[in-house]
Amino acid sequence: MADTLILYYSCQGHTERVAQLLHKLVGGDLLAVHLKEEYTPLAAYTKGLYHIKKGLCPPLQQDVDISGYDTVYLGSPVWYWTLTPPIAWLLKEKDWQGKTICPFTTNGKRNGDCFEKTARLARGAKVEEGCAISMVKQKADSIILYELKRWLASLN
């Protein structure tokens, strides 16, 4: 098992695309979080908002084991200026003690409180500066890779 994990949730494929590009740069294991019943794009705006406001998360399809990793690159789309319910739930429920989290998000234009919320929820973790990638759908891979490389250089 690698000591680095890229863990992400993606509803429409934007965060998945960034996670895959990040994986090319840092290696490690790549793991997508899946729900038993995935959000549709419309449900992300209706059920997603309800889940965010109530602090709920629909059941995950798989157990997410982070115990063997020192560094977790954690990716989430931004919904209503905050983290998606699956990522917020993982931050609340998993043992992050002694781990380093490098958060990244995909968003339309605004990142909201995602990085602050990551630091607040991941008890015991060292949370690095985050990387917010906006307008992913309109960007070429080369532009996203450039943004990721700049972010990674700032972490070292």
C-alpha atoms as a PDB file:
ATOM      1  CA  MET A   1       0.000   0.000   0.000  1.00  0.00           C
ATOM      2  CA  ALA A   2       1.257   3.481  -0.854  1.00  0.00           C
ATOM      3  CA  ASP A   3       1.550   6.094   1.858  1.00  0.00           C
ATOM      4  CA  THR A   4      -0.316   8.584  -0.354  1.00  0.00           C
ATOM      5  CA  LEU A   5      -4.018   8.458  -1.175  1.00  0.00           C
ATOM      6  CA  ILE A   6      -5.997  10.657  -3.551  1.00  0.00           C
ATOM      7  CA  LEU A   7      -9.536  10.403  -2.215  1.00  0.00           C
ATOM      8  CA  TYR A   8     -12.332  12.264  -3.928  1.00  0.00           C
ATOM      9  CA  TYR A   9     -16.046  12.548  -4.561  1.00  0.00           C
ATOM     10  CA  SER A  10     -17.254  13.607  -8.005  1.00  0.00           C
ATOM     11  CA  CYS A  11     -20.833  14.045  -9.162  1.00  0.00           C
ATOM     12  CA  GLN A  12     -20.362  15.246 -12.725  1.00  0.00           C
ATOM     13  CA  GLY A  13     -16.802  14.131 -13.441  1.00  0.00           C
ATOM     14  CA  HIS A  14     -14.977  17.436 -12.888  1.00  0.00           C
ATOM     15  CA  THR A  15     -13.363  16.482  -9.585  1.00  0.00           C
ATOM     16  CA  GLU A  16     -12.581  13.026 -10.952  1.00  0.00           C
ATOM     17  CA  ARG A  17     -10.731  14.609 -13.855  1.00  0.00           C
ATOM     18  CA  VAL A  18      -8.638  16.767 -11.521  1.00  0.00           C
ATOM     19  CA  ALA A  19      -7.966  13.768  -9.242  1.00  0.00           C
ATOM     20  CA  GLN A  20      -6.715  11.729 -12.190  1.00  0.00           C
ATOM     21  CA  LEU A  21      -4.413  14.531 -13.306  1.00  0.00           C
ATOM     22  CA  LEU A  22      -3.146  14.933  -9.741  1.00  0.00           C
ATOM     23  CA  HIS A  23      -2.493  11.193  -9.635  1.00  0.00           C
ATOM     24  CA  LYS A  24      -0.202  11.546 -12.655  1.00  0.00           C
ATOM     25  CA  LEU A  25       1.837  14.063 -10.659  1.00  0.00           C
ATOM     26  CA  VAL A  26       2.009  12.504  -7.190  1.00  0.00           C
ATOM     27  CA  GLY A  27       1.272   8.804  -7.701  1.00  0.00           C
ATOM     28  CA  GLY A  28      -0.105   6.827  -4.773  1.00  0.00           C
ATOM     29  CA  ASP A  29      -3.522   5.211  -4.638  1.00  0.00           C
ATOM     30  CA  LEU A  30      -6.597   6.744  -6.246  1.00  0.00           C
ATOM     31  CA  LEU A  31     -10.004   6.142  -4.668  1.00  0.00           C
ATOM     32  CA  ALA A  32     -13.377   7.559  -5.684  1.00  0.00           C
ATOM     33  CA  VAL A  33     -16.088   7.761  -3.043  1.00  0.00           C
ATOM     34  CA  HIS A  34     -19.374   6.346  -4.329  1.00  0.00           C
ATOM     35  CA  LEU A  35     -22.816   6.518  -2.801  1.00  0.00           C
ATOM     36  CA  LYS A  36     -25.223   3.590  -2.788  1.00  0.00           C
ATOM     37  CA  GLU A  37     -27.584   5.886  -4.662  1.00  0.00           C
ATOM     38  CA  GLU A  38     -25.607   8.555  -6.486  1.00  0.00           C
ATOM     39  CA  TYR A  39     -26.785  12.126  -6.724  1.00  0.00           C
ATOM     40  CA  THR A  40     -27.983  13.131 -10.160  1.00  0.00           C
ATOM     41  CA  PRO A  41     -27.000  16.658 -11.203  1.00  0.00           C
ATOM     42  CA  LEU A  42     -30.523  17.819 -10.307  1.00  0.00           C
ATOM     43  CA  ALA A  43     -30.491  15.966  -6.968  1.00  0.00           C
ATOM     44  CA  ALA A  44     -27.184  17.650  -6.135  1.00  0.00           C
ATOM     45  CA  TYR A  45     -29.125  20.912  -6.059  1.00  0.00           C
ATOM     46  CA  THR A  46     -32.128  19.599  -4.142  1.00  0.00           C
ATOM     47  CA  LYS A  47     -31.168  16.624  -1.955  1.00  0.00           C
ATOM     48  CA  GLY A  48     -27.601  17.895  -1.779  1.00  0.00           C
ATOM     49  CA  LEU A  49     -28.682  21.209  -0.281  1.00  0.00           C
ATOM     50  CA  TYR A  50     -30.959  19.430   2.194  1.00  0.00           C
ATOM     51  CA  HIS A  51     -28.132  17.092   3.245  1.00  0.00           C
ATOM     52  CA  ILE A  52     -25.707  20.007   3.636  1.00  0.00           C
ATOM     53  CA  LYS A  53     -28.134  22.006   5.785  1.00  0.00           C
ATOM     54  CA  LYS A  54     -28.933  18.990   7.992  1.00  0.00           C
ATOM     55  CA  GLY A  55     -25.374  17.614   8.130  1.00  0.00           C
ATOM     56  CA  LEU A  56     -26.487  14.334   6.557  1.00  0.00           C
ATOM     57  CA  CYS A  57     -24.851  11.979   4.099  1.00  0.00           C
ATOM     58  CA  PRO A  58     -26.481   9.226   2.074  1.00  0.00           C
ATOM     59  CA  PRO A  59     -24.942   5.773   2.643  1.00  0.00           C
ATOM     60  CA  LEU A  60     -21.608   5.150   0.961  1.00  0.00           C
ATOM     61  CA  GLN A  61     -21.232   2.243  -1.431  1.00  0.00           C
ATOM     62  CA  GLN A  62     -17.908   1.173   0.096  1.00  0.00           C
ATOM     63  CA  ASP A  63     -15.948   1.445   3.308  1.00  0.00           C
ATOM     64  CA  VAL A  64     -13.201   4.019   2.990  1.00  0.00           C
ATOM     65  CA  ASP A  65     -10.105   2.918   4.886  1.00  0.00           C
ATOM     66  CA  ILE A  66      -7.518   5.677   5.338  1.00  0.00           C
ATOM     67  CA  SER A  67      -5.550   3.929   8.090  1.00  0.00           C
ATOM     68  CA  GLY A  68      -2.570   2.996   5.912  1.00  0.00           C
ATOM     69  CA  TYR A  69      -1.936   6.480   4.540  1.00  0.00           C
ATOM     70  CA  ASP A  70       0.144   9.375   5.841  1.00  0.00           C
ATOM     71  CA  THR A  71      -0.919  11.893   3.204  1.00  0.00           C
ATOM     72  CA  VAL A  72      -4.409  12.218   1.761  1.00  0.00           C
ATOM     73  CA  TYR A  73      -5.191  14.504  -1.151  1.00  0.00           C
ATOM     74  CA  LEU A  74      -8.882  15.098  -0.565  1.00  0.00           C
ATOM     75  CA  GLY A  75     -11.054  16.320  -3.436  1.00  0.00           C
ATOM     76  CA  SER A  76     -14.592  17.653  -3.474  1.00  0.00           C
ATOM     77  CA  PRO A  77     -16.807  19.698  -5.743  1.00  0.00           C
ATOM     78  CA  VAL A  78     -18.097  22.853  -4.106  1.00  0.00           C
ATOM     79  CA  TRP A  79     -21.842  22.743  -3.481  1.00  0.00           C
ATOM     80  CA  TYR A  80     -23.516  25.812  -2.025  1.00  0.00           C
ATOM     81  CA  TRP A  81     -20.099  27.244  -1.131  1.00  0.00           C
ATOM     82  CA  THR A  82     -19.110  24.248   0.985  1.00  0.00           C
ATOM     83  CA  LEU A  83     -17.962  20.617   0.842  1.00  0.00           C
ATOM     84  CA  THR A  84     -20.194  17.892  -0.525  1.00  0.00           C
ATOM     85  CA  PRO A  85     -21.951  15.697   2.064  1.00  0.00           C
ATOM     86  CA  PRO A  86     -19.808  12.582   1.397  1.00  0.00           C
ATOM     87  CA  ILE A  87     -16.523  14.448   1.950  1.00  0.00           C
ATOM     88  CA  ALA A  88     -17.817  16.331   4.998  1.00  0.00           C
ATOM     89  CA  TRP A  89     -19.025  13.020   6.458  1.00  0.00           C
ATOM     90  CA  LEU A  90     -15.632  11.357   5.906  1.00  0.00           C
ATOM     91  CA  LEU A  91     -13.901  14.282   7.585  1.00  0.00           C
ATOM     92  CA  LYS A  92     -16.191  13.970  10.616  1.00  0.00           C
ATOM     93  CA  GLU A  93     -16.191  10.186  10.913  1.00  0.00           C
ATOM     94  CA  LYS A  94     -12.678   9.007  10.076  1.00  0.00           C
ATOM     95  CA  ASP A  95      -9.592   9.081  12.296  1.00  0.00           C
ATOM     96  CA  TRP A  96      -7.313  11.740  10.813  1.00  0.00           C
ATOM     97  CA  GLN A  97      -4.877  11.811  13.737  1.00  0.00           C
ATOM     98  CA  GLY A  98      -1.297  12.276  12.479  1.00  0.00           C
ATOM     99  CA  LYS A  99      -2.286  12.493   8.812  1.00  0.00           C
ATOM    100  CA  THR A 100      -1.636  15.313   6.381  1.00  0.00           C
ATOM    101  CA  ILE A 101      -4.588  16.419   4.264  1.00  0.00           C
ATOM    102  CA  CYS A 102      -4.020  18.356   1.063  1.00  0.00           C
ATOM    103  CA  PRO A 103      -7.509  19.514   0.037  1.00  0.00           C
ATOM    104  CA  PHE A 104      -8.533  20.375  -3.485  1.00  0.00           C
ATOM    105  CA  THR A 105     -11.853  21.517  -4.869  1.00  0.00           C
ATOM    106  CA  THR A 106     -13.560  22.119  -8.168  1.00  0.00           C
ATOM    107  CA  ASN A 107     -15.992  24.985  -8.434  1.00  0.00           C
ATOM    108  CA  GLY A 108     -17.835  27.300 -10.742  1.00  0.00           C
ATOM    109  CA  LYS A 109     -16.308  30.496  -9.403  1.00  0.00           C
ATOM    110  CA  ARG A 110     -16.271  30.451  -5.608  1.00  0.00           C
ATOM    111  CA  ASN A 111     -14.682  28.076  -3.130  1.00  0.00           C
ATOM    112  CA  GLY A 112     -16.709  29.122  -0.091  1.00  0.00           C
ATOM    113  CA  ASP A 113     -15.616  27.681   3.265  1.00  0.00           C
ATOM    114  CA  CYS A 114     -14.276  24.361   1.951  1.00  0.00           C
ATOM    115  CA  PHE A 115     -10.712  24.609   3.219  1.00  0.00           C
ATOM    116  CA  GLU A 116     -11.696  26.113   6.559  1.00  0.00           C
ATOM    117  CA  LYS A 117     -14.310  23.391   7.015  1.00  0.00           C
ATOM    118  CA  THR A 118     -11.740  20.707   6.164  1.00  0.00           C
ATOM    119  CA  ALA A 119      -9.423  22.033   8.883  1.00  0.00           C
ATOM    120  CA  ARG A 120     -12.285  22.250  11.365  1.00  0.00           C
ATOM    121  CA  LEU A 121     -13.665  18.744  10.771  1.00  0.00           C
ATOM    122  CA  ALA A 122     -10.438  16.726  10.363  1.00  0.00           C
ATOM    123  CA  ARG A 123      -9.497  16.463  14.022  1.00  0.00           C
ATOM    124  CA  GLY A 124      -5.826  15.737  14.579  1.00  0.00           C
ATOM    125  CA  ALA A 125      -4.778  16.239  10.967  1.00  0.00           C
ATOM    126  CA  LYS A 126      -2.342  18.718   9.556  1.00  0.00           C
ATOM    127  CA  VAL A 127      -4.287  20.458   6.798  1.00  0.00           C
ATOM    128  CA  GLU A 128      -2.170  22.019   4.079  1.00  0.00           C
ATOM    129  CA  GLU A 129      -3.089  24.992   1.910  1.00  0.00           C
ATOM    130  CA  GLY A 130      -5.853  23.986  -0.474  1.00  0.00           C
ATOM    131  CA  CYS A 131      -6.102  24.193  -4.240  1.00  0.00           C
ATOM    132  CA  ALA A 132      -9.319  25.534  -5.757  1.00  0.00           C
ATOM    133  CA  ILE A 133      -9.688  24.823  -9.452  1.00  0.00           C
ATOM    134  CA  SER A 134     -12.530  26.751 -11.029  1.00  0.00           C
ATOM    135  CA  MET A 135     -14.282  26.294 -14.339  1.00  0.00           C
ATOM    136  CA  VAL A 136     -12.814  22.793 -14.910  1.00  0.00           C
ATOM    137  CA  LYS A 137     -15.195  22.014 -17.760  1.00  0.00           C
ATOM    138  CA  GLN A 138     -13.772  24.858 -19.834  1.00  0.00           C
ATOM    139  CA  LYS A 139     -10.066  24.161 -19.136  1.00  0.00           C
ATOM    140  CA  ALA A 140      -7.586  22.043 -21.054  1.00  0.00           C
ATOM    141  CA  ASP A 141      -5.704  19.386 -19.102  1.00  0.00           C
ATOM    142  CA  SER A 142      -2.483  21.369 -19.551  1.00  0.00           C
ATOM    143  CA  ILE A 143      -3.964  24.357 -17.688  1.00  0.00           C
ATOM    144  CA  ILE A 144      -5.211  22.178 -14.820  1.00  0.00           C
ATOM    145  CA  LEU A 145      -1.822  20.438 -14.609  1.00  0.00           C
ATOM    146  CA  TYR A 146      -0.130  23.847 -14.441  1.00  0.00           C
ATOM    147  CA  GLU A 147      -2.396  24.901 -11.559  1.00  0.00           C
ATOM    148  CA  LEU A 148      -1.774  21.609  -9.745  1.00  0.00           C
ATOM    149  CA  LYS A 149       2.003  21.882 -10.182  1.00  0.00           C
ATOM    150  CA  ARG A 150       1.999  25.415  -8.766  1.00  0.00           C
ATOM    151  CA  TRP A 151      -0.018  24.210  -5.780  1.00  0.00           C
ATOM    152  CA  LEU A 152       2.211  21.187  -5.168  1.00  0.00           C
ATOM    153  CA  ALA A 153       5.318  23.392  -5.320  1.00  0.00           C
ATOM    154  CA  SER A 154       3.810  25.641  -2.647  1.00  0.00           C
ATOM    155  CA  LEU A 155       3.347  22.650  -0.326  1.00  0.00           C
ATOM    156  CA  ASN A 156       7.035  21.687  -0.315  1.00  0.00           C
END
